[in-house]
């Protein structure tokens, strides 16, 4: 429609970025499953000797780190999706405003779930520098996510 022509290129870019994020998030679901399976396998390693205990601990820590990095990446992707919903709510077709709002709510839920997984895994990790960085990143993503959700919902309701 002529009313939306000024934002047609922006919406096309949003759609393209959204398609890339969808593909990325679907791949991350598989990566998350693989990371979890790695933890399970690491905990099954023998721990009879001191050498085995050291090897098992290293394997568990390595698996936990990956299992933390994956949901952190998911949280980042969900935050990007939230940002896209703002653009759609603010400049997209008004008949799609409720779709933008629902998309924002779903992306926010994904962000919250991923952040929860990160926090759970950080409890068992012993790499203090990594844990500090991950906690900081999650806090920033959650803060930005709350703001983006509010903005997307307000724009959709305007």
Protein backbone atom coordinates (compact mmCIF):
# COMPACT_ATOMS: atom_id res chain seq x y z
CA UNK A 1 0.00 0.00 0.00
CA UNK A 2 1.09 3.54 -0.68
CA UNK A 3 0.80 4.31 3.04
CA UNK A 4 3.66 1.90 3.81
CA UNK A 5 5.84 2.52 0.74
CA UNK A 6 8.31 4.66 2.68
CA UNK A 7 9.14 1.68 4.89
CA UNK A 8 9.02 -1.07 2.26
CA UNK A 9 12.82 -1.42 2.05
CA UNK A 10 13.10 -1.45 5.84
CA UNK A 11 10.47 -4.19 6.14
CA UNK A 12 12.20 -6.22 3.41
CA UNK A 13 15.45 -5.97 5.36
CA UNK A 14 13.62 -6.98 8.55
CA UNK A 15 12.20 -10.01 6.77
CA UNK A 16 15.62 -11.00 5.45
CA UNK A 17 17.25 -10.63 8.87
CA UNK A 18 14.35 -12.48 10.49
CA UNK A 19 14.79 -15.38 8.07
CA UNK A 20 18.49 -15.56 8.92
CA UNK A 21 17.74 -15.49 12.64
CA UNK A 22 15.12 -18.23 12.25
CA UNK A 23 17.66 -20.44 10.50
CA UNK A 24 20.27 -19.64 13.15
CA UNK A 25 17.90 -20.35 16.04
CA UNK A 26 16.81 -23.67 14.53
CA UNK A 27 20.46 -24.70 14.24
CA UNK A 28 21.04 -23.60 17.82
CA UNK A 29 18.29 -25.95 19.01
CA UNK A 30 20.34 -28.83 17.63
CA UNK A 31 23.54 -27.35 19.07
CA UNK A 32 21.89 -27.11 22.49
CA UNK A 33 20.86 -30.76 22.34
CA UNK A 34 24.38 -31.77 21.33
CA UNK A 35 25.87 -29.68 24.14
CA UNK A 36 23.56 -31.29 26.69
CA UNK A 37 24.44 -34.76 25.42
CA UNK A 38 28.13 -33.89 25.82
CA UNK A 39 27.54 -33.08 29.48
CA UNK A 40 25.73 -36.37 30.02
CA UNK A 41 28.59 -38.28 28.39
CA UNK A 42 31.20 -36.39 30.41
CA UNK A 43 29.48 -37.31 33.66
CA UNK A 44 29.55 -40.97 32.61
CA UNK A 45 33.34 -41.00 32.36
CA UNK A 46 35.10 -43.21 34.91
CA UNK A 47 36.38 -41.69 38.13
CA UNK A 48 38.20 -44.56 39.77
CA UNK A 49 41.73 -43.21 39.60
CA UNK A 50 43.11 -39.74 40.18
CA UNK A 51 43.96 -39.46 36.48
CA UNK A 52 40.43 -40.43 35.52
CA UNK A 53 39.01 -37.89 37.95
CA UNK A 54 41.14 -35.14 36.42
CA UNK A 55 40.14 -36.18 32.91
CA UNK A 56 36.45 -36.39 33.88
CA UNK A 57 36.50 -32.98 35.57
CA UNK A 58 38.11 -31.41 32.51
CA UNK A 59 35.56 -33.04 30.20
CA UNK A 60 32.65 -31.89 32.38
CA UNK A 61 33.98 -28.33 32.56
CA UNK A 62 34.54 -28.21 28.80
CA UNK A 63 31.04 -29.56 28.12
CA UNK A 64 29.49 -27.13 30.58
CA UNK A 65 31.22 -24.21 28.93
CA UNK A 66 29.82 -25.16 25.52
CA UNK A 67 26.42 -25.79 27.11
CA UNK A 68 26.59 -22.24 28.46
CA UNK A 69 27.83 -20.62 25.26
CA UNK A 70 24.98 -22.08 23.19
CA UNK A 71 22.10 -20.59 25.21
CA UNK A 72 24.05 -17.34 25.49
CA UNK A 73 24.09 -17.26 21.70
CA UNK A 74 20.38 -18.10 21.70
CA UNK A 75 19.73 -15.19 24.07
CA UNK A 76 21.63 -12.86 21.74
CA UNK A 77 19.61 -14.05 18.74
CA UNK A 78 16.34 -13.62 20.65
CA UNK A 79 17.35 -10.08 21.55
CA UNK A 80 17.91 -9.41 17.84
CA UNK A 81 14.46 -10.79 17.06
CA UNK A 82 13.01 -8.46 19.70
CA UNK A 83 14.67 -5.52 17.98
CA UNK A 84 13.11 -6.56 14.68
CA UNK A 85 9.66 -6.67 16.25
CA UNK A 86 10.06 -3.03 17.24
CA UNK A 87 10.64 -2.09 13.62
CA UNK A 88 7.62 -4.08 12.49
CA UNK A 89 5.41 -2.63 15.23
CA UNK A 90 6.55 0.92 14.52
CA UNK A 91 6.70 0.92 10.72
CA UNK A 92 4.90 -2.18 9.47
CA UNK A 93 1.37 -2.65 8.34
CA UNK A 94 -1.01 -1.85 11.21
CA UNK A 95 -2.97 -5.03 10.54
CA UNK A 96 0.21 -6.92 11.57
CA UNK A 97 0.66 -4.99 14.83
CA UNK A 98 -0.68 -7.84 16.93
CA UNK A 99 1.68 -10.23 15.11
CA UNK A 100 4.58 -7.94 16.02
CA UNK A 101 3.43 -7.94 19.64
CA UNK A 102 3.16 -11.73 19.76
CA UNK A 103 6.56 -12.03 18.09
CA UNK A 104 8.03 -9.73 20.73
CA UNK A 105 6.48 -11.77 23.54
CA UNK A 106 7.79 -15.02 22.07
CA UNK A 107 11.28 -13.62 21.48
CA UNK A 108 11.29 -12.30 25.04
CA UNK A 109 10.27 -15.73 26.35
CA UNK A 110 13.12 -17.27 24.37
CA UNK A 111 15.52 -14.72 25.83
CA UNK A 112 14.34 -15.45 29.37
CA UNK A 113 14.59 -19.22 28.87
CA UNK A 114 18.07 -19.01 27.37
CA UNK A 115 19.23 -16.70 30.17
CA UNK A 116 17.90 -19.18 32.72
CA UNK A 117 19.87 -22.00 31.08
CA UNK A 118 23.03 -19.90 31.14
CA UNK A 119 22.61 -19.15 34.86
CA UNK A 120 21.98 -22.80 35.69
CA UNK A 121 25.14 -23.92 33.89
CA UNK A 122 27.25 -21.16 35.42
CA UNK A 123 26.62 -22.67 38.85
CA UNK A 124 28.82 -25.63 37.95
CA UNK A 125 31.53 -23.85 35.98
CA UNK A 126 34.83 -23.09 37.65
CA UNK A 127 36.21 -20.55 35.13
CA UNK A 128 35.61 -17.32 37.05
CA UNK A 129 36.51 -15.00 34.17
CA UNK A 130 34.13 -16.76 31.80
CA UNK A 131 31.38 -16.80 34.43
CA UNK A 132 31.78 -13.09 35.12
CA UNK A 133 31.64 -12.30 31.41
CA UNK A 134 28.60 -14.54 30.84
CA UNK A 135 26.71 -13.09 33.82
CA UNK A 136 27.43 -9.57 32.60
CA UNK A 137 26.33 -10.40 29.06
CA UNK A 138 23.11 -12.04 30.28
CA UNK A 139 22.31 -9.04 32.50
CA UNK A 140 22.81 -6.66 29.58
CA UNK A 141 20.69 -8.80 27.27
CA UNK A 142 17.90 -9.04 29.82
CA UNK A 143 17.92 -5.29 30.42
CA UNK A 144 17.85 -4.57 26.70
CA UNK A 145 15.20 -7.24 26.23
CA UNK A 146 12.87 -5.67 28.78
CA UNK A 147 13.24 -2.31 27.11
CA UNK A 148 12.71 -3.77 23.62
CA UNK A 149 9.64 -5.70 24.73
CA UNK A 150 8.09 -2.59 26.26
CA UNK A 151 8.83 -0.57 23.14
CA UNK A 152 7.46 -3.23 20.77
CA UNK A 153 4.27 -3.68 22.80
CA UNK A 154 3.73 0.07 23.08
CA UNK A 155 4.21 0.51 19.34
CA UNK A 156 1.87 -2.37 18.58
CA UNK A 157 -0.79 -0.90 20.86
CA UNK A 158 -0.45 2.66 19.52
